[in-house]
N, C-alpha and C. Protein backbone atom coordinates (compact mmCIF):
# COMPACT_ATOMS: atom_id res chain seq x y z
N MET A 1 1.02 -1.62 0.05
CA MET A 1 0.00 0.23 0.00
C MET A 1 0.64 1.56 -0.12
N ASP A 2 0.65 2.19 -0.76
CA ASP A 2 1.72 3.61 -0.41
C ASP A 2 1.28 4.01 0.51
N SER A 3 1.83 5.21 0.73
CA SER A 3 2.31 5.80 2.41
C SER A 3 1.48 6.84 1.94
N ARG A 4 0.42 7.21 1.45
CA ARG A 4 -0.22 8.00 1.39
C ARG A 4 -2.13 7.41 1.89
N ALA A 5 -1.94 5.97 1.67
CA ALA A 5 -2.95 5.25 1.35
C ALA A 5 -3.18 4.51 2.69
N VAL A 6 -1.59 4.63 3.22
CA VAL A 6 -1.47 3.85 5.25
C VAL A 6 -2.16 5.05 5.55
N THR A 7 -1.30 6.22 5.53
CA THR A 7 -1.70 7.79 6.27
C THR A 7 -3.10 7.60 6.85
N ILE A 8 -3.82 7.42 5.67
CA ILE A 8 -5.52 7.95 5.64
C ILE A 8 -6.11 6.53 6.29
N VAL A 9 -5.60 5.74 6.05
CA VAL A 9 -6.16 4.47 6.19
C VAL A 9 -6.15 4.37 8.24
N ASN A 10 -4.98 5.17 8.69
CA ASN A 10 -4.32 4.91 9.96
C ASN A 10 -5.18 6.40 10.61
N THR A 11 -5.47 7.07 9.81
CA THR A 11 -6.12 8.78 10.09
C THR A 11 -7.74 7.37 10.62
N ALA A 12 -8.63 7.19 9.46
CA ALA A 12 -9.76 6.65 9.84
C ALA A 12 -9.73 5.93 10.66
N GLN A 13 -8.85 4.79 11.20
CA GLN A 13 -8.48 4.19 12.64
C GLN A 13 -8.43 5.13 13.62
N GLY A 14 -7.65 6.04 13.74
CA GLY A 14 -7.99 6.57 14.68
C GLY A 14 -9.34 7.81 14.97
N VAL A 15 -10.30 7.98 14.02
CA VAL A 15 -11.46 8.29 13.82
C VAL A 15 -12.45 7.25 14.54
N ALA A 16 -11.74 6.35 13.98
CA ALA A 16 -12.74 4.72 14.86
C ALA A 16 -12.64 4.72 15.99
N SER A 17 -11.42 4.81 16.62
CA SER A 17 -11.12 5.23 18.10
C SER A 17 -11.87 6.22 19.21
N TYR A 18 -12.00 7.65 18.67
CA TYR A 18 -12.58 8.41 18.90
C TYR A 18 -14.08 8.15 18.67
N LEU A 19 -14.53 7.55 17.64
CA LEU A 19 -16.32 7.77 18.15
C LEU A 19 -16.64 6.44 19.19
N ASP A 20 -15.67 5.44 19.05
CA ASP A 20 -15.48 4.77 19.90
C ASP A 20 -15.71 5.41 21.98
N GLY A 21 -15.16 6.28 22.12
CA GLY A 21 -14.36 7.04 22.87
C GLY A 21 -15.32 7.90 23.61
N ILE A 22 -16.80 8.24 22.29
CA ILE A 22 -17.52 8.91 22.75
C ILE A 22 -19.09 7.99 22.36
N SER A 23 -19.10 6.93 22.34
CA SER A 23 -19.93 6.07 22.54
C SER A 23 -21.16 5.95 21.07
N GLN A 24 -20.25 6.11 20.18
CA GLN A 24 -20.62 5.58 18.79
C GLN A 24 -19.84 4.53 18.06
N ARG A 25 -20.33 3.96 18.54
CA ARG A 25 -20.06 2.49 18.60
C ARG A 25 -20.31 1.69 16.99
N LYS A 26 -21.29 2.15 16.54
CA LYS A 26 -21.94 1.32 15.45
C LYS A 26 -20.95 2.40 13.83
N ARG A 27 -21.21 3.69 14.51
CA ARG A 27 -20.11 4.33 13.58
C ARG A 27 -18.63 3.87 13.49
N ALA A 28 -18.36 3.82 15.04
CA ALA A 28 -16.79 3.59 14.71
C ALA A 28 -16.71 2.19 13.53
N ASN A 29 -17.51 1.25 14.08
CA ASN A 29 -17.30 0.00 13.51
C ASN A 29 -17.72 0.01 11.80
N ASP A 30 -18.45 0.79 11.66
CA ASP A 30 -18.83 1.30 9.99
C ASP A 30 -16.98 1.69 9.61
N VAL A 31 -17.09 2.42 10.28
CA VAL A 31 -15.38 3.63 9.59
C VAL A 31 -13.95 1.87 9.41
N ARG A 32 -14.20 1.16 11.05
CA ARG A 32 -13.33 -0.04 10.43
C ARG A 32 -13.46 -1.07 9.58
N ARG A 33 -15.14 -1.13 9.10
CA ARG A 33 -14.98 -2.23 8.34
C ARG A 33 -14.87 -1.78 6.92
N LEU A 34 -15.14 0.00 6.90
CA LEU A 34 -14.44 -0.02 5.26
C LEU A 34 -12.92 0.24 4.99
N CYS A 35 -12.46 0.50 6.18
CA CYS A 35 -10.67 0.31 6.21
C CYS A 35 -10.75 -0.70 5.66
N ARG A 36 -10.89 -2.39 6.28
CA ARG A 36 -10.76 -3.31 6.25
C ARG A 36 -11.11 -3.77 4.46
N SER A 37 -12.17 -3.29 4.26
CA SER A 37 -12.26 -2.73 2.78
C SER A 37 -11.89 -2.28 1.69
N ASN A 38 -11.09 -0.75 2.03
CA ASN A 38 -9.78 -0.31 1.36
C ASN A 38 -8.47 -1.18 0.92
N VAL A 39 -8.28 -1.98 2.13
CA VAL A 39 -6.97 -2.84 2.45
C VAL A 39 -7.05 -4.34 2.00
N GLY A 40 -8.47 -4.59 1.58
CA GLY A 40 -8.37 -6.04 0.94
C GLY A 40 -8.65 -5.49 -0.83
N ILE A 41 -9.48 -4.18 -1.16
CA ILE A 41 -9.65 -3.80 -2.45
C ILE A 41 -7.85 -4.08 -3.03
N ARG A 42 -7.22 -2.89 -2.34
CA ARG A 42 -6.07 -2.48 -2.51
C ARG A 42 -5.11 -3.82 -2.93
N SER A 43 -5.00 -4.71 -1.81
CA SER A 43 -4.13 -6.09 -2.04
C SER A 43 -4.27 -6.82 -3.21
N HIS A 44 -6.18 -6.79 -3.67
CA HIS A 44 -6.58 -7.60 -4.83
C HIS A 44 -6.06 -6.72 -5.72
N LEU A 45 -5.86 -5.28 -6.12
CA LEU A 45 -5.81 -5.08 -7.18
C LEU A 45 -3.72 -4.94 -7.58
N ALA A 46 -3.40 -5.16 -6.36
CA ALA A 46 -1.69 -5.95 -6.25
C ALA A 46 -1.90 -6.34 -7.17
N ALA A 47 -2.31 -7.83 -6.84
CA ALA A 47 -2.63 -9.58 -7.38
C ALA A 47 -2.73 -9.16 -8.72
N LEU A 48 -3.73 -8.12 -8.81
CA LEU A 48 -4.59 -8.32 -10.72
C LEU A 48 -2.84 -7.69 -11.90
N GLN A 49 -2.49 -6.60 -10.57
CA GLN A 49 -1.48 -5.82 -11.97
C GLN A 49 -0.24 -6.84 -11.49
N HIS A 50 -0.11 -7.37 -10.96
CA HIS A 50 0.97 -7.95 -10.58
C HIS A 50 1.05 -9.82 -11.76
N ASP A 51 -0.35 -10.18 -12.18
CA ASP A 51 -1.08 -11.05 -12.61
C ASP A 51 -0.97 -10.13 -14.68
N ASN A 52 -1.38 -9.43 -14.66
CA ASN A 52 -1.52 -8.42 -15.95
C ASN A 52 -0.26 -8.10 -16.24
N MET A 53 0.91 -7.95 -15.28
CA MET A 53 2.67 -8.06 -15.71
C MET A 53 3.13 -9.24 -16.63
N GLN A 54 2.24 -10.37 -15.90
CA GLN A 54 2.75 -11.30 -16.69
C GLN A 54 2.54 -12.00 -17.60
N LEU A 55 0.98 -11.77 -17.62
CA LEU A 55 0.42 -11.74 -19.11
C LEU A 55 1.18 -11.10 -20.07
N ARG A 56 0.99 -9.36 -20.04
CA ARG A 56 1.91 -8.95 -20.97
C ARG A 56 3.26 -9.27 -21.07
N ALA A 57 4.20 -9.75 -20.14
CA ALA A 57 5.37 -10.45 -20.27
C ALA A 57 5.44 -11.42 -21.33
N ARG A 58 3.97 -12.35 -21.16
CA ARG A 58 4.38 -14.05 -21.85
C ARG A 58 3.64 -13.87 -23.05
N VAL A 59 2.50 -12.52 -23.46
CA VAL A 59 2.19 -11.94 -24.70
C VAL A 59 3.14 -11.55 -25.76
N ALA A 60 4.05 -10.69 -24.77
CA ALA A 60 5.30 -10.73 -25.47
C ALA A 60 6.87 -11.32 -26.05
N GLU A 61 6.55 -12.34 -25.05
CA GLU A 61 7.68 -13.79 -25.24
C GLU A 61 6.73 -14.45 -26.38
N LEU A 62 5.50 -14.12 -26.60
CA LEU A 62 5.08 -15.49 -27.64
C LEU A 62 5.35 -14.55 -29.04
N GLU A 63 4.79 -13.12 -29.20
CA GLU A 63 4.57 -12.49 -30.26
C GLU A 63 6.42 -12.66 -30.89
N ALA A 64 7.54 -12.81 -29.54
CA ALA A 64 8.93 -12.25 -30.47
C ALA A 64 9.30 -13.78 -30.98
N LYS A 65 8.17 -14.59 -30.54
CA LYS A 65 9.16 -16.28 -31.29
C LYS A 65 8.04 -16.18 -32.91
N HIS A 66 6.98 -15.56 -33.10
CA HIS A 66 6.56 -15.70 -33.96
C HIS A 66 6.91 -14.04 -35.15
N VAL A 67 7.81 -13.46 -34.74
CA VAL A 67 7.94 -12.82 -35.40
C VAL A 67 9.55 -13.06 -36.20
C-alpha cells in the first residue's frame, strides 16, 4: 500500500477510536469496516496488476517467437 493510503487508513482508524470514545460504536465499526474493505481492495488490485504484468510478458514472449 502506498504511504498516502496508509496515512489515510491510520487516520480513519484513529477516528474510529474517537467514535468509540464518545459512544458511537456503530459509526466506529462502520469506519473500521471501510478500512478493512480498503485494504482488501488494494491487496486484490496489487495481485491483479502483478498478474497483468506476467500476462503481458508472456504475450510479448510469444509475439517475439512468431516474428
